[in-house]
Amino acid sequence: MRDGGHTLIDEIDLIALGHMPGGAALARPRPLAHLDLTGLDPQAARQVALAEVARLVPGDTIIVVTADAPFALLDALHSATDGRCLFEYLATGPEAWATAVSRLDS
């Protein structure tokens, strides 16, 4: 919307940009989501992970837990997001691997 040469940003635009309606006073940190892929075959784990990471907005993080080294899975996530994810290994086996997957700004 334009008003006298100025662009107006409405509340929907602010939500789309990741801003909290009502300002910072109403914003609360969201607990990190955990995505446990242990017990899934690699193809199913990949599909679930791709769907969950696609829902992330810039700044969101999800913890992905796998039984085995997640290198191929993380490569697939990196490719699917055009490199817009950051990976941080939190636990590296032998029972489970935990990786923080954070969505970066585009």
C-alpha atoms as a PDB file:
ATOM      1  CA  MET A   1       0.000   0.000   0.000  1.00  0.00           C
ATOM      2  CA  ARG A   2       1.226   3.524  -0.740  1.00  0.00           C
ATOM      3  CA  ASP A   3       0.370   6.670   1.173  1.00  0.00           C
ATOM      4  CA  GLY A   4       1.886   9.948   0.024  1.00  0.00           C
ATOM      5  CA  GLY A   5       4.970   8.308  -1.441  1.00  0.00           C
ATOM      6  CA  HIS A   6       5.544   6.138   1.638  1.00  0.00           C
ATOM      7  CA  THR A   7       5.110   2.382   1.719  1.00  0.00           C
ATOM      8  CA  LEU A   8       2.826   1.230   4.485  1.00  0.00           C
ATOM      9  CA  ILE A   9       3.534  -2.079   6.161  1.00  0.00           C
ATOM     10  CA  ASP A  10       0.554  -3.743   7.764  1.00  0.00           C
ATOM     11  CA  GLU A  11       0.459  -6.378  10.487  1.00  0.00           C
ATOM     12  CA  ILE A  12       0.319  -9.238   7.978  1.00  0.00           C
ATOM     13  CA  ASP A  13       3.546  -7.984   6.393  1.00  0.00           C
ATOM     14  CA  LEU A  14       5.197  -7.850   9.806  1.00  0.00           C
ATOM     15  CA  ILE A  15       4.126 -11.407  10.609  1.00  0.00           C
ATOM     16  CA  ALA A  16       5.483 -12.573   7.247  1.00  0.00           C
ATOM     17  CA  LEU A  17       8.795 -10.888   8.118  1.00  0.00           C
ATOM     18  CA  GLY A  18       8.904 -12.769  11.434  1.00  0.00           C
ATOM     19  CA  HIS A  19       7.831  -9.946  13.736  1.00  0.00           C
ATOM     20  CA  MET A  20       5.608 -10.624  16.725  1.00  0.00           C
ATOM     21  CA  PRO A  21       2.255  -8.786  16.750  1.00  0.00           C
ATOM     22  CA  GLY A  22       2.156  -6.543  19.797  1.00  0.00           C
ATOM     23  CA  GLY A  23       5.890  -5.969  19.817  1.00  0.00           C
ATOM     24  CA  ALA A  24       8.776  -7.429  21.743  1.00  0.00           C
ATOM     25  CA  ALA A  25       6.911  -7.226  25.051  1.00  0.00           C
ATOM     26  CA  LEU A  26       4.645 -10.099  23.908  1.00  0.00           C
ATOM     27  CA  ALA A  27       7.356 -12.177  22.236  1.00  0.00           C
ATOM     28  CA  ARG A  28       8.433 -15.329  24.053  1.00  0.00           C
ATOM     29  CA  PRO A  29      11.163 -17.757  23.068  1.00  0.00           C
ATOM     30  CA  ARG A  30       9.812 -20.925  21.523  1.00  0.00           C
ATOM     31  CA  PRO A  31      11.247 -24.205  22.801  1.00  0.00           C
ATOM     32  CA  LEU A  32      13.434 -25.980  20.273  1.00  0.00           C
ATOM     33  CA  ALA A  33      11.576 -28.659  18.356  1.00  0.00           C
ATOM     34  CA  HIS A  34      13.084 -32.132  18.277  1.00  0.00           C
ATOM     35  CA  LEU A  35      12.710 -34.325  15.231  1.00  0.00           C
ATOM     36  CA  ASP A  36      13.523 -37.928  16.195  1.00  0.00           C
ATOM     37  CA  LEU A  37      14.259 -39.917  13.053  1.00  0.00           C
ATOM     38  CA  THR A  38      15.644 -42.984  14.818  1.00  0.00           C
ATOM     39  CA  GLY A  39      13.876 -46.137  13.698  1.00  0.00           C
ATOM     40  CA  LEU A  40      12.974 -44.732  10.264  1.00  0.00           C
ATOM     41  CA  ASP A  41      14.561 -46.078   7.108  1.00  0.00           C
ATOM     42  CA  PRO A  42      16.865 -43.536   5.394  1.00  0.00           C
ATOM     43  CA  GLN A  43      14.377 -42.626   2.638  1.00  0.00           C
ATOM     44  CA  ALA A  44      11.515 -42.016   5.089  1.00  0.00           C
ATOM     45  CA  ALA A  45      13.823 -40.048   7.402  1.00  0.00           C
ATOM     46  CA  ARG A  46      14.889 -37.874   4.471  1.00  0.00           C
ATOM     47  CA  GLN A  47      11.292 -37.133   3.453  1.00  0.00           C
ATOM     48  CA  VAL A  48      10.243 -36.249   7.024  1.00  0.00           C
ATOM     49  CA  ALA A  49      13.317 -34.056   7.543  1.00  0.00           C
ATOM     50  CA  LEU A  50      12.819 -32.236   4.233  1.00  0.00           C
ATOM     51  CA  ALA A  51       9.190 -31.499   5.099  1.00  0.00           C
ATOM     52  CA  GLU A  52      10.028 -30.198   8.569  1.00  0.00           C
ATOM     53  CA  VAL A  53      12.964 -28.051   7.441  1.00  0.00           C
ATOM     54  CA  ALA A  54      10.826 -26.572   4.639  1.00  0.00           C
ATOM     55  CA  ARG A  55       8.488 -25.215   7.343  1.00  0.00           C
ATOM     56  CA  LEU A  56      11.264 -23.326   9.132  1.00  0.00           C
ATOM     57  CA  VAL A  57      11.425 -19.570   8.781  1.00  0.00           C
ATOM     58  CA  PRO A  58      14.706 -17.657   9.038  1.00  0.00           C
ATOM     59  CA  GLY A  59      15.950 -17.829  12.607  1.00  0.00           C
ATOM     60  CA  ASP A  60      14.150 -21.100  13.468  1.00  0.00           C
ATOM     61  CA  THR A  61      16.120 -24.105  14.687  1.00  0.00           C
ATOM     62  CA  ILE A  62      15.157 -27.745  14.942  1.00  0.00           C
ATOM     63  CA  ILE A  63      17.130 -30.555  16.587  1.00  0.00           C
ATOM     64  CA  VAL A  64      17.346 -33.602  14.310  1.00  0.00           C
ATOM     65  CA  VAL A  65      18.141 -36.900  16.041  1.00  0.00           C
ATOM     66  CA  THR A  66      19.340 -39.906  14.032  1.00  0.00           C
ATOM     67  CA  ALA A  67      20.687 -43.336  14.975  1.00  0.00           C
ATOM     68  CA  ASP A  68      23.540 -43.144  12.461  1.00  0.00           C
ATOM     69  CA  ALA A  69      25.784 -40.413  11.093  1.00  0.00           C
ATOM     70  CA  PRO A  70      23.491 -37.927   9.296  1.00  0.00           C
ATOM     71  CA  PHE A  71      25.914 -36.811   6.591  1.00  0.00           C
ATOM     72  CA  ALA A  72      23.790 -37.860   3.575  1.00  0.00           C
ATOM     73  CA  LEU A  73      20.655 -36.425   5.217  1.00  0.00           C
ATOM     74  CA  LEU A  74      22.354 -33.087   5.899  1.00  0.00           C
ATOM     75  CA  ASP A  75      23.664 -32.969   2.318  1.00  0.00           C
ATOM     76  CA  ALA A  76      20.072 -33.436   1.092  1.00  0.00           C
ATOM     77  CA  LEU A  77      18.820 -30.666   3.417  1.00  0.00           C
ATOM     78  CA  HIS A  78      21.616 -28.353   2.283  1.00  0.00           C
ATOM     79  CA  SER A  79      20.736 -28.948  -1.383  1.00  0.00           C
ATOM     80  CA  ALA A  80      16.980 -28.615  -0.849  1.00  0.00           C
ATOM     81  CA  THR A  81      17.362 -25.248   0.911  1.00  0.00           C
ATOM     82  CA  ASP A  82      19.984 -23.852  -1.493  1.00  0.00           C
ATOM     83  CA  GLY A  83      22.470 -23.702   1.371  1.00  0.00           C
ATOM     84  CA  ARG A  84      20.175 -21.673   3.622  1.00  0.00           C
ATOM     85  CA  CYS A  85      20.656 -23.937   6.644  1.00  0.00           C
ATOM     86  CA  LEU A  86      23.399 -24.037   9.232  1.00  0.00           C
ATOM     87  CA  PHE A  87      24.261 -27.364  10.890  1.00  0.00           C
ATOM     88  CA  GLU A  88      25.770 -27.811  14.349  1.00  0.00           C
ATOM     89  CA  TYR A  89      26.569 -31.264  15.709  1.00  0.00           C
ATOM     90  CA  LEU A  90      25.363 -31.547  19.301  1.00  0.00           C
ATOM     91  CA  ALA A  91      25.997 -35.271  19.821  1.00  0.00           C
ATOM     92  CA  THR A  92      28.021 -37.599  17.603  1.00  0.00           C
ATOM     93  CA  GLY A  93      27.054 -41.163  18.468  1.00  0.00           C
ATOM     94  CA  PRO A  94      27.541 -43.976  19.147  1.00  0.00           C
ATOM     95  CA  GLU A  95      23.898 -44.402  20.263  1.00  0.00           C
ATOM     96  CA  ALA A  96      22.488 -41.302  18.561  1.00  0.00           C
ATOM     97  CA  TRP A  97      23.501 -38.248  16.599  1.00  0.00           C
ATOM     98  CA  ALA A  98      21.879 -34.890  17.342  1.00  0.00           C
ATOM     99  CA  THR A  99      22.247 -31.991  14.920  1.00  0.00           C
ATOM    100  CA  ALA A 100      20.852 -28.468  15.270  1.00  0.00           C
ATOM    101  CA  VAL A 101      19.514 -27.308  11.898  1.00  0.00           C
ATOM    102  CA  SER A 102      19.000 -23.535  11.744  1.00  0.00           C
ATOM    103  CA  ARG A 103      17.331 -21.699   8.865  1.00  0.00           C
ATOM    104  CA  LEU A 104      19.348 -18.716   7.669  1.00  0.00           C
ATOM    105  CA  ASP A 105      18.027 -15.542   6.075  1.00  0.00           C
ATOM    106  CA  SER A 106      17.686 -15.829   2.337  1.00  0.00           C
END
